[in-house]
Amino acid sequence: MNRRGLLKGMGVIALYGSFPAILGEFISSCRTNDKRLRAGFFSEDEFHLLEQITDVLLPATATLGAVELQVPYFIDLVVKNSMGHDDQQMIKKGLQHANERGGEKFLSLPPEKRSAAIKEIDEAAFKDDTSKAWFRIIKKLTLIGYFTSQEGMTKALNYVKVPGDYKACIPYKKGEKGLAKTFLMYW
């Protein structure tokens, strides 16, 4: 037996040995997973409230909304893995406070009142109201999650597939989509 034959034989044996694992992985990847993604940091109620807030901030229109693009899961992941304990607790307390505003539960409000409540929180958050700092974080993460998604980048913005020359001032006409340049490739 020569070396080439030995290497071929070892390759075949290695392939046959790993075939059950490859086949098992393939079969499990073909299975549909009907279970909903699970939040890793927020409780179920907090996460549902977060979904409603992100839906008010970026609702579905001609493009998908924040909830359809799973932005709340992005927020959950960032809060869990990238924020300190104090910031995490501030966001949890803020969500709890938003849900109990005026004696009514946020989730029981009709859509018009939800929008008004979020607008009120938004205005307070950007007037240096430190008790509403949690909302600035949620709003920022909602926008980041949405506009870095494929849908947000290609449908909500004018996507430039291959970035060209740097142009500091790009003319903008009212009603046009904003310009999106990224090194992420969505096509």
C-alpha atoms as a PDB file:
ATOM      1  CA  MET A   1       0.000   0.000   0.000  1.00  0.00           C
ATOM      2  CA  ASN A   2       1.315   3.452  -0.871  1.00  0.00           C
ATOM      3  CA  ARG A   3       0.920   6.697   1.039  1.00  0.00           C
ATOM      4  CA  ARG A   4      -1.788   8.058  -1.305  1.00  0.00           C
ATOM      5  CA  GLY A   5      -3.957   4.977  -0.779  1.00  0.00           C
ATOM      6  CA  LEU A   6      -3.451   5.179   2.986  1.00  0.00           C
ATOM      7  CA  LEU A   7      -4.486   8.861   3.080  1.00  0.00           C
ATOM      8  CA  LYS A   8      -7.586   8.156   0.954  1.00  0.00           C
ATOM      9  CA  GLY A   9      -8.542   5.298   3.239  1.00  0.00           C
ATOM     10  CA  MET A  10      -8.081   7.427   6.367  1.00  0.00           C
ATOM     11  CA  GLY A  11     -10.167  10.205   4.808  1.00  0.00           C
ATOM     12  CA  VAL A  12     -12.996   7.786   4.011  1.00  0.00           C
ATOM     13  CA  ILE A  13     -12.894   6.344   7.536  1.00  0.00           C
ATOM     14  CA  ALA A  14     -12.957   9.845   9.057  1.00  0.00           C
ATOM     15  CA  LEU A  15     -15.869  10.816   6.812  1.00  0.00           C
ATOM     16  CA  TYR A  16     -17.858   7.699   7.713  1.00  0.00           C
ATOM     17  CA  GLY A  17     -17.089   8.273  11.381  1.00  0.00           C
ATOM     18  CA  SER A  18     -18.409  11.834  11.309  1.00  0.00           C
ATOM     19  CA  PHE A  19     -21.367  11.112   9.030  1.00  0.00           C
ATOM     20  CA  PRO A  20     -23.889  10.356  11.827  1.00  0.00           C
ATOM     21  CA  ALA A  21     -23.038  13.646  13.539  1.00  0.00           C
ATOM     22  CA  ILE A  22     -23.348  15.579  10.268  1.00  0.00           C
ATOM     23  CA  LEU A  23     -26.615  13.834   9.411  1.00  0.00           C
ATOM     24  CA  GLY A  24     -27.996  14.475  12.908  1.00  0.00           C
ATOM     25  CA  GLU A  25     -27.090  18.150  12.703  1.00  0.00           C
ATOM     26  CA  PHE A  26     -28.679  18.424   9.268  1.00  0.00           C
ATOM     27  CA  ILE A  27     -31.909  16.758  10.388  1.00  0.00           C
ATOM     28  CA  SER A  28     -32.174  18.907  13.506  1.00  0.00           C
ATOM     29  CA  SER A  29     -31.613  22.059  11.447  1.00  0.00           C
ATOM     30  CA  CYS A  30     -34.470  21.090   9.127  1.00  0.00           C
ATOM     31  CA  ARG A  31     -36.920  20.815  12.001  1.00  0.00           C
ATOM     32  CA  THR A  32     -39.219  23.774  12.336  1.00  0.00           C
ATOM     33  CA  ASN A  33     -38.942  25.498  15.633  1.00  0.00           C
ATOM     34  CA  ASP A  34     -42.378  26.818  16.520  1.00  0.00           C
ATOM     35  CA  LYS A  35     -41.230  28.041  19.897  1.00  0.00           C
ATOM     36  CA  ARG A  36     -40.939  31.760  20.215  1.00  0.00           C
ATOM     37  CA  LEU A  37     -37.553  33.239  20.917  1.00  0.00           C
ATOM     38  CA  ARG A  38     -37.091  33.787  24.604  1.00  0.00           C
ATOM     39  CA  ALA A  39     -35.963  36.950  26.283  1.00  0.00           C
ATOM     40  CA  GLY A  40     -32.776  36.439  28.238  1.00  0.00           C
ATOM     41  CA  PHE A  41     -32.909  39.380  30.624  1.00  0.00           C
ATOM     42  CA  PHE A  42     -36.429  40.767  30.848  1.00  0.00           C
ATOM     43  CA  SER A  43     -39.342  38.913  32.407  1.00  0.00           C
ATOM     44  CA  GLU A  44     -42.196  37.928  30.108  1.00  0.00           C
ATOM     45  CA  ASP A  45     -44.310  40.929  31.173  1.00  0.00           C
ATOM     46  CA  GLU A  46     -41.406  43.373  30.853  1.00  0.00           C
ATOM     47  CA  PHE A  47     -40.565  41.988  27.443  1.00  0.00           C
ATOM     48  CA  HIS A  48     -44.158  42.304  26.247  1.00  0.00           C
ATOM     49  CA  LEU A  49     -44.145  45.933  27.407  1.00  0.00           C
ATOM     50  CA  LEU A  50     -40.833  46.479  25.596  1.00  0.00           C
ATOM     51  CA  GLU A  51     -42.414  45.057  22.425  1.00  0.00           C
ATOM     52  CA  GLN A  52     -45.305  47.497  22.712  1.00  0.00           C
ATOM     53  CA  ILE A  53     -42.996  50.464  23.291  1.00  0.00           C
ATOM     54  CA  THR A  54     -40.802  49.587  20.296  1.00  0.00           C
ATOM     55  CA  ASP A  55     -43.943  49.103  18.216  1.00  0.00           C
ATOM     56  CA  VAL A  56     -45.057  52.642  19.094  1.00  0.00           C
ATOM     57  CA  LEU A  57     -41.581  54.003  18.283  1.00  0.00           C
ATOM     58  CA  LEU A  58     -41.244  52.208  14.932  1.00  0.00           C
ATOM     59  CA  PRO A  59     -44.574  50.732  13.817  1.00  0.00           C
ATOM     60  CA  ALA A  60     -45.066  48.686  10.673  1.00  0.00           C
ATOM     61  CA  THR A  61     -45.842  50.858   7.657  1.00  0.00           C
ATOM     62  CA  ALA A  62     -44.773  50.161   4.075  1.00  0.00           C
ATOM     63  CA  THR A  63     -41.764  48.484   5.713  1.00  0.00           C
ATOM     64  CA  LEU A  64     -41.695  46.066   8.606  1.00  0.00           C
ATOM     65  CA  GLY A  65     -41.867  47.497  12.105  1.00  0.00           C
ATOM     66  CA  ALA A  66     -39.468  47.057  15.003  1.00  0.00           C
ATOM     67  CA  VAL A  67     -41.390  44.111  16.464  1.00  0.00           C
ATOM     68  CA  GLU A  68     -41.457  42.223  13.152  1.00  0.00           C
ATOM     69  CA  LEU A  69     -37.702  42.720  12.830  1.00  0.00           C
ATOM     70  CA  GLN A  70     -37.251  41.359  16.380  1.00  0.00           C
ATOM     71  CA  VAL A  71     -35.685  44.564  17.657  1.00  0.00           C
ATOM     72  CA  PRO A  72     -36.921  43.842  21.231  1.00  0.00           C
ATOM     73  CA  TYR A  73     -34.750  40.695  21.236  1.00  0.00           C
ATOM     74  CA  PHE A  74     -31.796  42.821  20.127  1.00  0.00           C
ATOM     75  CA  ILE A  75     -32.475  45.236  22.995  1.00  0.00           C
ATOM     76  CA  ASP A  76     -32.776  42.345  25.441  1.00  0.00           C
ATOM     77  CA  LEU A  77     -29.453  40.943  24.253  1.00  0.00           C
ATOM     78  CA  VAL A  78     -27.650  44.293  24.523  1.00  0.00           C
ATOM     79  CA  VAL A  79     -29.070  45.072  27.966  1.00  0.00           C
ATOM     80  CA  LYS A  80     -28.199  41.600  29.248  1.00  0.00           C
ATOM     81  CA  ASN A  81     -24.678  41.381  27.837  1.00  0.00           C
ATOM     82  CA  SER A  82     -23.412  44.947  27.516  1.00  0.00           C
ATOM     83  CA  MET A  83     -24.820  47.006  30.371  1.00  0.00           C
ATOM     84  CA  GLY A  84     -23.845  47.257  33.969  1.00  0.00           C
ATOM     85  CA  HIS A  85     -26.126  46.187  36.796  1.00  0.00           C
ATOM     86  CA  ASP A  86     -27.157  49.767  37.652  1.00  0.00           C
ATOM     87  CA  ASP A  87     -28.220  50.526  34.073  1.00  0.00           C
ATOM     88  CA  GLN A  88     -30.077  47.219  33.830  1.00  0.00           C
ATOM     89  CA  GLN A  89     -32.026  47.981  36.993  1.00  0.00           C
ATOM     90  CA  MET A  90     -32.722  51.549  35.816  1.00  0.00           C
ATOM     91  CA  ILE A  91     -34.283  50.171  32.618  1.00  0.00           C
ATOM     92  CA  LYS A  92     -36.350  47.602  34.536  1.00  0.00           C
ATOM     93  CA  LYS A  93     -37.625  50.278  36.935  1.00  0.00           C
ATOM     94  CA  GLY A  94     -38.363  52.602  34.022  1.00  0.00           C
ATOM     95  CA  LEU A  95     -40.408  49.933  32.258  1.00  0.00           C
ATOM     96  CA  GLN A  96     -42.271  49.230  35.483  1.00  0.00           C
ATOM     97  CA  HIS A  97     -42.962  52.937  35.981  1.00  0.00           C
ATOM     98  CA  ALA A  98     -44.140  53.317  32.358  1.00  0.00           C
ATOM     99  CA  ASN A  99     -46.516  50.398  32.791  1.00  0.00           C
ATOM    100  CA  GLU A 100     -48.084  51.893  35.915  1.00  0.00           C
ATOM    101  CA  ARG A 101     -48.492  55.480  34.687  1.00  0.00           C
ATOM    102  CA  GLY A 102     -51.623  57.223  35.899  1.00  0.00           C
ATOM    103  CA  GLY A 103     -53.063  54.134  37.540  1.00  0.00           C
ATOM    104  CA  GLU A 104     -53.677  52.448  34.178  1.00  0.00           C
ATOM    105  CA  LYS A 105     -51.577  49.647  32.775  1.00  0.00           C
ATOM    106  CA  PHE A 106     -49.811  50.691  29.579  1.00  0.00           C
ATOM    107  CA  LEU A 107     -50.741  47.439  27.877  1.00  0.00           C
ATOM    108  CA  SER A 108     -54.455  48.039  28.504  1.00  0.00           C
ATOM    109  CA  LEU A 109     -54.400  51.468  26.848  1.00  0.00           C
ATOM    110  CA  PRO A 110     -55.793  51.900  23.328  1.00  0.00           C
ATOM    111  CA  PRO A 111     -53.163  52.625  20.630  1.00  0.00           C
ATOM    112  CA  GLU A 112     -53.814  56.401  20.608  1.00  0.00           C
ATOM    113  CA  LYS A 113     -53.237  56.690  24.356  1.00  0.00           C
ATOM    114  CA  ARG A 114     -50.116  54.504  24.104  1.00  0.00           C
ATOM    115  CA  SER A 115     -48.674  56.871  21.514  1.00  0.00           C
ATOM    116  CA  ALA A 116     -49.526  59.880  23.689  1.00  0.00           C
ATOM    117  CA  ALA A 117     -47.945  58.247  26.755  1.00  0.00           C
ATOM    118  CA  ILE A 118     -44.752  57.437  24.837  1.00  0.00           C
ATOM    119  CA  LYS A 119     -44.635  60.972  23.432  1.00  0.00           C
ATOM    120  CA  GLU A 120     -44.921  62.372  26.959  1.00  0.00           C
ATOM    121  CA  ILE A 121     -42.139  60.091  28.245  1.00  0.00           C
ATOM    122  CA  ASP A 122     -40.018  60.979  25.205  1.00  0.00           C
ATOM    123  CA  GLU A 123     -40.359  64.719  25.758  1.00  0.00           C
ATOM    124  CA  ALA A 124     -39.488  64.359  29.446  1.00  0.00           C
ATOM    125  CA  ALA A 125     -36.520  62.087  28.682  1.00  0.00           C
ATOM    126  CA  PHE A 126     -34.921  64.663  26.418  1.00  0.00           C
ATOM    127  CA  LYS A 127     -35.477  67.576  28.826  1.00  0.00           C
ATOM    128  CA  ASP A 128     -32.833  66.270  31.212  1.00  0.00           C
ATOM    129  CA  ASP A 129     -35.325  64.356  33.353  1.00  0.00           C
ATOM    130  CA  THR A 130     -32.976  61.780  34.869  1.00  0.00           C
ATOM    131  CA  SER A 131     -35.887  59.564  35.903  1.00  0.00           C
ATOM    132  CA  LYS A 132     -36.584  59.023  32.189  1.00  0.00           C
ATOM    133  CA  ALA A 133     -32.978  58.245  31.174  1.00  0.00           C
ATOM    134  CA  TRP A 134     -33.998  54.619  30.652  1.00  0.00           C
ATOM    135  CA  PHE A 135     -36.187  55.731  27.744  1.00  0.00           C
ATOM    136  CA  ARG A 136     -33.286  57.397  25.932  1.00  0.00           C
ATOM    137  CA  ILE A 137     -31.446  54.073  26.052  1.00  0.00           C
ATOM    138  CA  ILE A 138     -34.475  52.103  24.817  1.00  0.00           C
ATOM    139  CA  LYS A 139     -35.097  54.589  22.014  1.00  0.00           C
ATOM    140  CA  LYS A 140     -31.448  54.574  20.940  1.00  0.00           C
ATOM    141  CA  LEU A 141     -31.278  50.763  20.943  1.00  0.00           C
ATOM    142  CA  THR A 142     -34.553  50.571  19.013  1.00  0.00           C
ATOM    143  CA  LEU A 143     -33.152  52.815  16.289  1.00  0.00           C
ATOM    144  CA  ILE A 144     -29.817  50.994  16.194  1.00  0.00           C
ATOM    145  CA  GLY A 145     -31.512  47.591  16.040  1.00  0.00           C
ATOM    146  CA  TYR A 146     -33.896  48.690  13.313  1.00  0.00           C
ATOM    147  CA  PHE A 147     -31.525  50.596  11.051  1.00  0.00           C
ATOM    148  CA  THR A 148     -28.761  47.986  11.223  1.00  0.00           C
ATOM    149  CA  SER A 149     -31.149  45.223  10.151  1.00  0.00           C
ATOM    150  CA  GLN A 150     -31.315  44.254   6.501  1.00  0.00           C
ATOM    151  CA  GLU A 151     -34.881  45.546   6.180  1.00  0.00           C
ATOM    152  CA  GLY A 152     -34.087  48.861   7.834  1.00  0.00           C
ATOM    153  CA  MET A 153     -30.930  49.353   5.804  1.00  0.00           C
ATOM    154  CA  THR A 154     -32.329  48.422   2.400  1.00  0.00           C
ATOM    155  CA  LYS A 155     -36.023  49.350   2.598  1.00  0.00           C
ATOM    156  CA  ALA A 156     -36.188  52.293   5.010  1.00  0.00           C
ATOM    157  CA  LEU A 157     -32.988  53.972   3.801  1.00  0.00           C
ATOM    158  CA  ASN A 158     -31.342  54.464   0.398  1.00  0.00           C
ATOM    159  CA  TYR A 159     -28.796  51.678   0.563  1.00  0.00           C
ATOM    160  CA  VAL A 160     -25.467  52.093  -1.243  1.00  0.00           C
ATOM    161  CA  LYS A 161     -24.166  48.575  -1.858  1.00  0.00           C
ATOM    162  CA  VAL A 162     -20.531  49.540  -2.357  1.00  0.00           C
ATOM    163  CA  PRO A 163     -19.469  52.698  -0.543  1.00  0.00           C
ATOM    164  CA  GLY A 164     -17.875  55.174  -2.902  1.00  0.00           C
ATOM    165  CA  ASP A 165     -16.062  58.437  -2.321  1.00  0.00           C
ATOM    166  CA  TYR A 166     -16.636  60.351   0.877  1.00  0.00           C
ATOM    167  CA  LYS A 167     -19.092  63.166   0.296  1.00  0.00           C
ATOM    168  CA  ALA A 168     -19.522  65.472   3.252  1.00  0.00           C
ATOM    169  CA  CYS A 169     -22.607  67.263   1.954  1.00  0.00           C
ATOM    170  CA  ILE A 170     -25.138  65.195   0.077  1.00  0.00           C
ATOM    171  CA  PRO A 171     -28.190  67.083  -1.195  1.00  0.00           C
ATOM    172  CA  TYR A 172     -31.421  65.925   0.398  1.00  0.00           C
ATOM    173  CA  LYS A 173     -34.888  66.539  -0.958  1.00  0.00           C
ATOM    174  CA  LYS A 174     -37.783  66.469   1.462  1.00  0.00           C
ATOM    175  CA  GLY A 175     -39.619  63.166   1.256  1.00  0.00           C
ATOM    176  CA  GLU A 176     -36.616  61.109   0.113  1.00  0.00           C
ATOM    177  CA  LYS A 177     -35.198  58.261   2.145  1.00  0.00           C
ATOM    178  CA  GLY A 178     -32.040  58.963   4.109  1.00  0.00           C
ATOM    179  CA  LEU A 179     -28.736  57.622   2.796  1.00  0.00           C
ATOM    180  CA  ALA A 180     -27.312  54.409   4.244  1.00  0.00           C
ATOM    181  CA  LYS A 181     -23.690  53.464   3.734  1.00  0.00           C
ATOM    182  CA  THR A 182     -22.260  50.413   5.381  1.00  0.00           C
ATOM    183  CA  PHE A 183     -19.701  47.722   4.842  1.00  0.00           C
ATOM    184  CA  LEU A 184     -22.382  45.133   5.597  1.00  0.00           C
ATOM    185  CA  MET A 185     -23.551  43.593   2.357  1.00  0.00           C
ATOM    186  CA  TYR A 186     -27.321  43.303   1.907  1.00  0.00           C
ATOM    187  CA  TRP A 187     -28.369  42.249  -1.558  1.00  0.00           C
END
